[in-house]
Amino acid sequence: MQNTIPKYDNEDEILKSFNNSNKISDFLKYNTKTKGTYRYYKLRLKEFVLERQVHNIDEYLQDPRTMSNKKRIQYLLL
């Protein structure tokens, strides 16, 4: 029995958005030390955006350090 990846609606459009995403490429660049980890993270992230049907990945992935008015949160060390 062969494992096949199901064909999702708008898969080509979503994968194009995935490949052009600055947030995805930055995450993979700075959070992977080996080629194996890079490939694994990329595969799992692709599966996630396809299953969730995320068309605009950079908009979907919000920076938790940014407030709703787009200003950066300032952290104070006490």
PDB file of N, CA and C in Angstrom:
ATOM      1  N   MET A   1       0.845  -1.177   0.000  1.00  0.00           N
ATOM      2  CA  MET A   1       0.000   0.000   0.000  1.00  0.00           C
ATOM      3  C   MET A   1       0.890   1.241   0.000  1.00  0.00           C
ATOM      4  N   GLN A   2       0.619   2.132  -0.918  1.00  0.00           N
ATOM      5  CA  GLN A   2       1.418   3.342  -1.044  1.00  0.00           C
ATOM      6  C   GLN A   2       0.796   4.495  -0.280  1.00  0.00           C
ATOM      7  N   ASN A   3       1.631   5.271   0.414  1.00  0.00           N
ATOM      8  CA  ASN A   3       1.153   6.486   1.052  1.00  0.00           C
ATOM      9  C   ASN A   3       1.115   7.587   0.014  1.00  0.00           C
ATOM     10  N   THR A   4      -0.026   8.196  -0.143  1.00  0.00           N
ATOM     11  CA  THR A   4      -0.131   9.308  -1.083  1.00  0.00           C
ATOM     12  C   THR A   4      -0.634  10.522  -0.333  1.00  0.00           C
ATOM     13  N   ILE A   5      -0.086  11.641  -0.681  1.00  0.00           N
ATOM     14  CA  ILE A   5      -0.530  12.893  -0.078  1.00  0.00           C
ATOM     15  C   ILE A   5      -1.817  13.310  -0.769  1.00  0.00           C
ATOM     16  N   PRO A   6      -2.864  13.573  -0.001  1.00  0.00           N
ATOM     17  CA  PRO A   6      -4.124  13.952  -0.632  1.00  0.00           C
ATOM     18  C   PRO A   6      -3.988  15.286  -1.374  1.00  0.00           C
ATOM     19  N   LYS A   7      -4.713  15.400  -2.438  1.00  0.00           N
ATOM     20  CA  LYS A   7      -4.722  16.633  -3.214  1.00  0.00           C
ATOM     21  C   LYS A   7      -5.692  17.595  -2.546  1.00  0.00           C
ATOM     22  N   TYR A   8      -5.180  18.727  -2.112  1.00  0.00           N
ATOM     23  CA  TYR A   8      -6.008  19.729  -1.455  1.00  0.00           C
ATOM     24  C   TYR A   8      -6.521  20.736  -2.470  1.00  0.00           C
ATOM     25  N   ASP A   9      -7.612  21.391  -2.117  1.00  0.00           N
ATOM     26  CA  ASP A   9      -8.118  22.482  -2.951  1.00  0.00           C
ATOM     27  C   ASP A   9      -7.088  23.590  -2.993  1.00  0.00           C
ATOM     28  N   ASN A  10      -6.874  24.158  -4.142  1.00  0.00           N
ATOM     29  CA  ASN A  10      -5.954  25.288  -4.321  1.00  0.00           C
ATOM     30  C   ASN A  10      -4.526  24.966  -3.890  1.00  0.00           C
ATOM     31  N   GLU A  11      -4.127  23.721  -4.008  1.00  0.00           N
ATOM     32  CA  GLU A  11      -2.802  23.311  -3.544  1.00  0.00           C
ATOM     33  C   GLU A  11      -1.687  24.100  -4.226  1.00  0.00           C
ATOM     34  N   ASP A  12      -1.781  24.285  -5.530  1.00  0.00           N
ATOM     35  CA  ASP A  12      -0.725  25.004  -6.254  1.00  0.00           C
ATOM     36  C   ASP A  12      -0.591  26.443  -5.774  1.00  0.00           C
ATOM     37  N   GLU A  13      -1.714  27.107  -5.552  1.00  0.00           N
ATOM     38  CA  GLU A  13      -1.709  28.492  -5.078  1.00  0.00           C
ATOM     39  C   GLU A  13      -1.113  28.591  -3.671  1.00  0.00           C
ATOM     40  N   ILE A  14      -1.489  27.662  -2.813  1.00  0.00           N
ATOM     41  CA  ILE A  14      -0.999  27.670  -1.431  1.00  0.00           C
ATOM     42  C   ILE A  14       0.500  27.378  -1.396  1.00  0.00           C
ATOM     43  N   LEU A  15       0.955  26.418  -2.197  1.00  0.00           N
ATOM     44  CA  LEU A  15       2.381  26.100  -2.218  1.00  0.00           C
ATOM     45  C   LEU A  15       3.206  27.255  -2.798  1.00  0.00           C
ATOM     46  N   LYS A  16       2.648  27.979  -3.746  1.00  0.00           N
ATOM     47  CA  LYS A  16       3.339  29.159  -4.282  1.00  0.00           C
ATOM     48  C   LYS A  16       3.489  30.208  -3.180  1.00  0.00           C
ATOM     49  N   SER A  17       2.417  30.421  -2.419  1.00  0.00           N
ATOM     50  CA  SER A  17       2.468  31.352  -1.297  1.00  0.00           C
ATOM     51  C   SER A  17       3.474  30.880  -0.254  1.00  0.00           C
ATOM     52  N   PHE A  18       3.508  29.578  -0.004  1.00  0.00           N
ATOM     53  CA  PHE A  18       4.446  28.993   0.952  1.00  0.00           C
ATOM     54  C   PHE A  18       5.884  29.262   0.516  1.00  0.00           C
ATOM     55  N   ASN A  19       6.176  29.031  -0.743  1.00  0.00           N
ATOM     56  CA  ASN A  19       7.536  29.219  -1.253  1.00  0.00           C
ATOM     57  C   ASN A  19       7.961  30.681  -1.282  1.00  0.00           C
ATOM     58  N   ASN A  20       7.003  31.605  -1.337  1.00  0.00           N
ATOM     59  CA  ASN A  20       7.316  33.034  -1.374  1.00  0.00           C
ATOM     60  C   ASN A  20       7.234  33.690   0.001  1.00  0.00           C
ATOM     61  N   SER A  21       6.926  32.922   1.028  1.00  0.00           N
ATOM     62  CA  SER A  21       6.735  33.472   2.373  1.00  0.00           C
ATOM     63  C   SER A  21       8.063  33.848   3.019  1.00  0.00           C
ATOM     64  N   ASN A  22       8.178  35.097   3.406  1.00  0.00           N
ATOM     65  CA  ASN A  22       9.375  35.558   4.110  1.00  0.00           C
ATOM     66  C   ASN A  22       9.460  34.967   5.514  1.00  0.00           C
ATOM     67  N   LYS A  23       8.336  34.839   6.176  1.00  0.00           N
ATOM     68  CA  LYS A  23       8.340  34.313   7.544  1.00  0.00           C
ATOM     69  C   LYS A  23       8.750  32.843   7.575  1.00  0.00           C
ATOM     70  N   ILE A  24       8.285  32.072   6.611  1.00  0.00           N
ATOM     71  CA  ILE A  24       8.672  30.661   6.542  1.00  0.00           C
ATOM     72  C   ILE A  24      10.156  30.532   6.254  1.00  0.00           C
ATOM     73  N   SER A  25      10.640  31.288   5.274  1.00  0.00           N
ATOM     74  CA  SER A  25      12.060  31.172   4.922  1.00  0.00           C
ATOM     75  C   SER A  25      12.958  31.644   6.061  1.00  0.00           C
ATOM     76  N   ASP A  26      12.559  32.706   6.769  1.00  0.00           N
ATOM     77  CA  ASP A  26      13.336  33.168   7.922  1.00  0.00           C
ATOM     78  C   ASP A  26      13.332  32.125   9.030  1.00  0.00           C
ATOM     79  N   PHE A  27      12.170  31.530   9.289  1.00  0.00           N
ATOM     80  CA  PHE A  27      12.083  30.512  10.328  1.00  0.00           C
ATOM     81  C   PHE A  27      12.999  29.336  10.002  1.00  0.00           C
ATOM     82  N   LEU A  28      12.925  28.857   8.768  1.00  0.00           N
ATOM     83  CA  LEU A  28      13.748  27.713   8.379  1.00  0.00           C
ATOM     84  C   LEU A  28      15.231  28.059   8.395  1.00  0.00           C
ATOM     85  N   LYS A  29      15.560  29.271   8.020  1.00  0.00           N
ATOM     86  CA  LYS A  29      16.960  29.698   7.971  1.00  0.00           C
ATOM     87  C   LYS A  29      17.570  29.772   9.369  1.00  0.00           C
ATOM     88  N   TYR A  30      16.834  30.326  10.330  1.00  0.00           N
ATOM     89  CA  TYR A  30      17.399  30.589  11.649  1.00  0.00           C
ATOM     90  C   TYR A  30      17.096  29.517  12.689  1.00  0.00           C
ATOM     91  N   ASN A  31      16.210  28.560  12.386  1.00  0.00           N
ATOM     92  CA  ASN A  31      15.826  27.570  13.388  1.00  0.00           C
ATOM     93  C   ASN A  31      16.192  26.142  13.010  1.00  0.00           C
ATOM     94  N   THR A  32      17.001  25.975  11.989  1.00  0.00           N
ATOM     95  CA  THR A  32      17.434  24.630  11.618  1.00  0.00           C
ATOM     96  C   THR A  32      18.950  24.617  11.484  1.00  0.00           C
ATOM     97  N   LYS A  33      19.543  23.594  12.055  1.00  0.00           N
ATOM     98  CA  LYS A  33      21.005  23.487  12.007  1.00  0.00           C
ATOM     99  C   LYS A  33      21.469  22.411  11.037  1.00  0.00           C
ATOM    100  N   THR A  34      20.588  21.449  10.737  1.00  0.00           N
ATOM    101  CA  THR A  34      20.974  20.377   9.825  1.00  0.00           C
ATOM    102  C   THR A  34      20.007  20.319   8.645  1.00  0.00           C
ATOM    103  N   LYS A  35      20.455  19.707   7.563  1.00  0.00           N
ATOM    104  CA  LYS A  35      19.605  19.578   6.374  1.00  0.00           C
ATOM    105  C   LYS A  35      18.382  18.716   6.660  1.00  0.00           C
ATOM    106  N   GLY A  36      18.560  17.707   7.500  1.00  0.00           N
ATOM    107  CA  GLY A  36      17.443  16.829   7.849  1.00  0.00           C
ATOM    108  C   GLY A  36      16.359  17.580   8.602  1.00  0.00           C
ATOM    109  N   THR A  37      16.758  18.399   9.553  1.00  0.00           N
ATOM    110  CA  THR A  37      15.799  19.189  10.308  1.00  0.00           C
ATOM    111  C   THR A  37      15.099  20.179   9.385  1.00  0.00           C
ATOM    112  N   TYR A  38      15.859  20.806   8.498  1.00  0.00           N
ATOM    113  CA  TYR A  38      15.300  21.757   7.531  1.00  0.00           C
ATOM    114  C   TYR A  38      14.214  21.070   6.694  1.00  0.00           C
ATOM    115  N   ARG A  39      14.536  19.905   6.149  1.00  0.00           N
ATOM    116  CA  ARG A  39      13.573  19.190   5.299  1.00  0.00           C
ATOM    117  C   ARG A  39      12.342  18.767   6.093  1.00  0.00           C
ATOM    118  N   TYR A  40      12.530  18.294   7.326  1.00  0.00           N
ATOM    119  CA  TYR A  40      11.415  17.844   8.157  1.00  0.00           C
ATOM    120  C   TYR A  40      10.489  19.013   8.500  1.00  0.00           C
ATOM    121  N   TYR A  41      11.061  20.130   8.970  1.00  0.00           N
ATOM    122  CA  TYR A  41      10.249  21.295   9.306  1.00  0.00           C
ATOM    123  C   TYR A  41       9.488  21.800   8.087  1.00  0.00           C
ATOM    124  N   LYS A  42      10.169  21.864   6.948  1.00  0.00           N
ATOM    125  CA  LYS A  42       9.532  22.377   5.731  1.00  0.00           C
ATOM    126  C   LYS A  42       8.366  21.469   5.317  1.00  0.00           C
ATOM    127  N   LEU A  43       8.566  20.171   5.370  1.00  0.00           N
ATOM    128  CA  LEU A  43       7.513  19.228   5.019  1.00  0.00           C
ATOM    129  C   LEU A  43       6.304  19.384   5.932  1.00  0.00           C
ATOM    130  N   ARG A  44       6.544  19.448   7.222  1.00  0.00           N
ATOM    131  CA  ARG A  44       5.442  19.557   8.189  1.00  0.00           C
ATOM    132  C   ARG A  44       4.728  20.905   8.081  1.00  0.00           C
ATOM    133  N   LEU A  45       5.475  21.976   7.837  1.00  0.00           N
ATOM    134  CA  LEU A  45       4.844  23.279   7.655  1.00  0.00           C
ATOM    135  C   LEU A  45       3.979  23.306   6.394  1.00  0.00           C
ATOM    136  N   LYS A  46       4.450  22.674   5.333  1.00  0.00           N
ATOM    137  CA  LYS A  46       3.643  22.580   4.102  1.00  0.00           C
ATOM    138  C   LYS A  46       2.345  21.829   4.374  1.00  0.00           C
ATOM    139  N   GLU A  47       2.445  20.707   5.073  1.00  0.00           N
ATOM    140  CA  GLU A  47       1.247  19.931   5.392  1.00  0.00           C
ATOM    141  C   GLU A  47       0.265  20.765   6.219  1.00  0.00           C
ATOM    142  N   PHE A  48       0.780  21.544   7.153  1.00  0.00           N
ATOM    143  CA  PHE A  48      -0.065  22.377   8.004  1.00  0.00           C
ATOM    144  C   PHE A  48      -0.820  23.415   7.180  1.00  0.00           C
ATOM    145  N   VAL A  49      -0.102  24.171   6.327  1.00  0.00           N
ATOM    146  CA  VAL A  49      -0.777  25.230   5.562  1.00  0.00           C
ATOM    147  C   VAL A  49      -1.729  24.646   4.532  1.00  0.00           C
ATOM    148  N   LEU A  50      -1.427  23.472   3.995  1.00  0.00           N
ATOM    149  CA  LEU A  50      -2.343  22.840   3.051  1.00  0.00           C
ATOM    150  C   LEU A  50      -3.618  22.374   3.745  1.00  0.00           C
ATOM    151  N   GLU A  51      -3.463  21.746   4.902  1.00  0.00           N
ATOM    152  CA  GLU A  51      -4.638  21.254   5.612  1.00  0.00           C
ATOM    153  C   GLU A  51      -5.522  22.400   6.089  1.00  0.00           C
ATOM    154  N   ARG A  52      -4.906  23.465   6.542  1.00  0.00           N
ATOM    155  CA  ARG A  52      -5.658  24.630   7.024  1.00  0.00           C
ATOM    156  C   ARG A  52      -6.102  25.559   5.899  1.00  0.00           C
ATOM    157  N   GLN A  53      -5.629  25.297   4.679  1.00  0.00           N
ATOM    158  CA  GLN A  53      -5.958  26.118   3.513  1.00  0.00           C
ATOM    159  C   GLN A  53      -5.567  27.581   3.736  1.00  0.00           C
ATOM    160  N   VAL A  54      -4.324  27.792   4.188  1.00  0.00           N
ATOM    161  CA  VAL A  54      -3.800  29.127   4.445  1.00  0.00           C
ATOM    162  C   VAL A  54      -3.280  29.695   3.127  1.00  0.00           C
ATOM    163  N   HIS A  55      -3.924  30.744   2.644  1.00  0.00           N
ATOM    164  CA  HIS A  55      -3.539  31.329   1.357  1.00  0.00           C
ATOM    165  C   HIS A  55      -2.495  32.422   1.516  1.00  0.00           C
ATOM    166  N   ASN A  56      -2.589  33.201   2.576  1.00  0.00           N
ATOM    167  CA  ASN A  56      -1.613  34.261   2.812  1.00  0.00           C
ATOM    168  C   ASN A  56      -0.865  33.928   4.100  1.00  0.00           C
ATOM    169  N   ILE A  57       0.231  33.238   3.961  1.00  0.00           N
ATOM    170  CA  ILE A  57       0.955  32.704   5.109  1.00  0.00           C
ATOM    171  C   ILE A  57       1.544  33.803   5.981  1.00  0.00           C
ATOM    172  N   ASP A  58       2.129  34.817   5.363  1.00  0.00           N
ATOM    173  CA  ASP A  58       2.746  35.886   6.146  1.00  0.00           C
ATOM    174  C   ASP A  58       1.718  36.651   6.971  1.00  0.00           C
ATOM    175  N   GLU A  59       0.508  36.742   6.491  1.00  0.00           N
ATOM    176  CA  GLU A  59      -0.552  37.392   7.257  1.00  0.00           C
ATOM    177  C   GLU A  59      -1.077  36.461   8.352  1.00  0.00           C
ATOM    178  N   TYR A  60      -1.138  35.177   8.059  1.00  0.00           N
ATOM    179  CA  TYR A  60      -1.620  34.187   9.011  1.00  0.00           C
ATOM    180  C   TYR A  60      -0.683  34.056  10.205  1.00  0.00           C
ATOM    181  N   LEU A  61       0.617  34.112   9.942  1.00  0.00           N
ATOM    182  CA  LEU A  61       1.610  33.968  11.005  1.00  0.00           C
ATOM    183  C   LEU A  61       1.893  35.341  11.613  1.00  0.00           C
ATOM    184  N   GLN A  62       1.211  35.637  12.670  1.00  0.00           N
ATOM    185  CA  GLN A  62       1.368  36.918  13.346  1.00  0.00           C
ATOM    186  C   GLN A  62       2.557  36.874  14.289  1.00  0.00           C
ATOM    187  N   ASP A  63       3.259  37.973  14.385  1.00  0.00           N
ATOM    188  CA  ASP A  63       4.366  38.082  15.329  1.00  0.00           C
ATOM    189  C   ASP A  63       3.767  38.359  16.707  1.00  0.00           C
ATOM    190  N   PRO A  64       3.956  37.464  17.670  1.00  0.00           N
ATOM    191  CA  PRO A  64       3.338  37.661  18.979  1.00  0.00           C
ATOM    192  C   PRO A  64       3.917  38.855  19.730  1.00  0.00           C
ATOM    193  N   ARG A  65       5.023  39.411  19.240  1.00  0.00           N
ATOM    194  CA  ARG A  65       5.613  40.565  19.904  1.00  0.00           C
ATOM    195  C   ARG A  65       5.117  41.873  19.300  1.00  0.00           C
ATOM    196  N   THR A  66       4.071  41.797  18.471  1.00  0.00           N
ATOM    197  CA  THR A  66       3.533  42.989  17.839  1.00  0.00           C
ATOM    198  C   THR A  66       2.104  43.199  18.319  1.00  0.00           C
ATOM    199  N   MET A  67       1.777  44.422  18.675  1.00  0.00           N
ATOM    200  CA  MET A  67       0.425  44.727  19.106  1.00  0.00           C
ATOM    201  C   MET A  67      -0.472  44.906  17.888  1.00  0.00           C
ATOM    202  N   SER A  68      -1.768  44.987  18.124  1.00  0.00           N
ATOM    203  CA  SER A  68      -2.725  45.090  17.023  1.00  0.00           C
ATOM    204  C   SER A  68      -2.534  46.361  16.196  1.00  0.00           C
ATOM    205  N   ASN A  69      -1.953  47.411  16.796  1.00  0.00           N
ATOM    206  CA  ASN A  69      -1.722  48.646  16.036  1.00  0.00           C
ATOM    207  C   ASN A  69      -0.358  48.639  15.348  1.00  0.00           C
ATOM    208  N   LYS A  70       0.257  47.465  15.249  1.00  0.00           N
ATOM    209  CA  LYS A  70       1.522  47.222  14.543  1.00  0.00           C
ATOM    210  C   LYS A  70       2.755  47.780  15.248  1.00  0.00           C
ATOM    211  N   LYS A  71       2.592  48.275  16.464  1.00  0.00           N
ATOM    212  CA  LYS A  71       3.752  48.748  17.218  1.00  0.00           C
ATOM    213  C   LYS A  71       4.363  47.588  17.971  1.00  0.00           C
ATOM    214  N   ARG A  72       5.655  47.638  18.095  1.00  0.00           N
ATOM    215  CA  ARG A  72       6.363  46.585  18.821  1.00  0.00           C
ATOM    216  C   ARG A  72       6.118  46.708  20.313  1.00  0.00           C
ATOM    217  N   ILE A  73       6.018  45.568  20.968  1.00  0.00           N
ATOM    218  CA  ILE A  73       5.871  45.537  22.419  1.00  0.00           C
ATOM    219  C   ILE A  73       7.263  45.754  23.018  1.00  0.00           C
ATOM    220  N   GLN A  74       7.330  46.623  23.976  1.00  0.00           N
ATOM    221  CA  GLN A  74       8.585  46.889  24.676  1.00  0.00           C
ATOM    222  C   GLN A  74       8.590  46.091  25.975  1.00  0.00           C
ATOM    223  N   TYR A  75       9.589  45.276  26.161  1.00  0.00           N
ATOM    224  CA  TYR A  75       9.713  44.498  27.390  1.00  0.00           C
ATOM    225  C   TYR A  75      10.686  45.187  28.322  1.00  0.00           C
ATOM    226  N   LEU A  76      10.293  45.309  29.558  1.00  0.00           N
ATOM    227  CA  LEU A  76      11.159  45.918  30.558  1.00  0.00           C
ATOM    228  C   LEU A  76      11.682  44.836  31.476  1.00  0.00           C
ATOM    229  N   LEU A  77      12.982  44.835  31.692  1.00  0.00           N
ATOM    230  CA  LEU A  77      13.572  43.909  32.632  1.00  0.00           C
ATOM    231  C   LEU A  77      13.689  44.612  33.969  1.00  0.00           C
ATOM    232  N   LEU A  78      13.104  44.032  34.968  1.00  0.00           N
ATOM    233  CA  LEU A  78      13.145  44.648  36.302  1.00  0.00           C
ATOM    234  C   LEU A  78      14.144  43.964  37.179  1.00  0.00           C
TER     235      LEU A  78
END
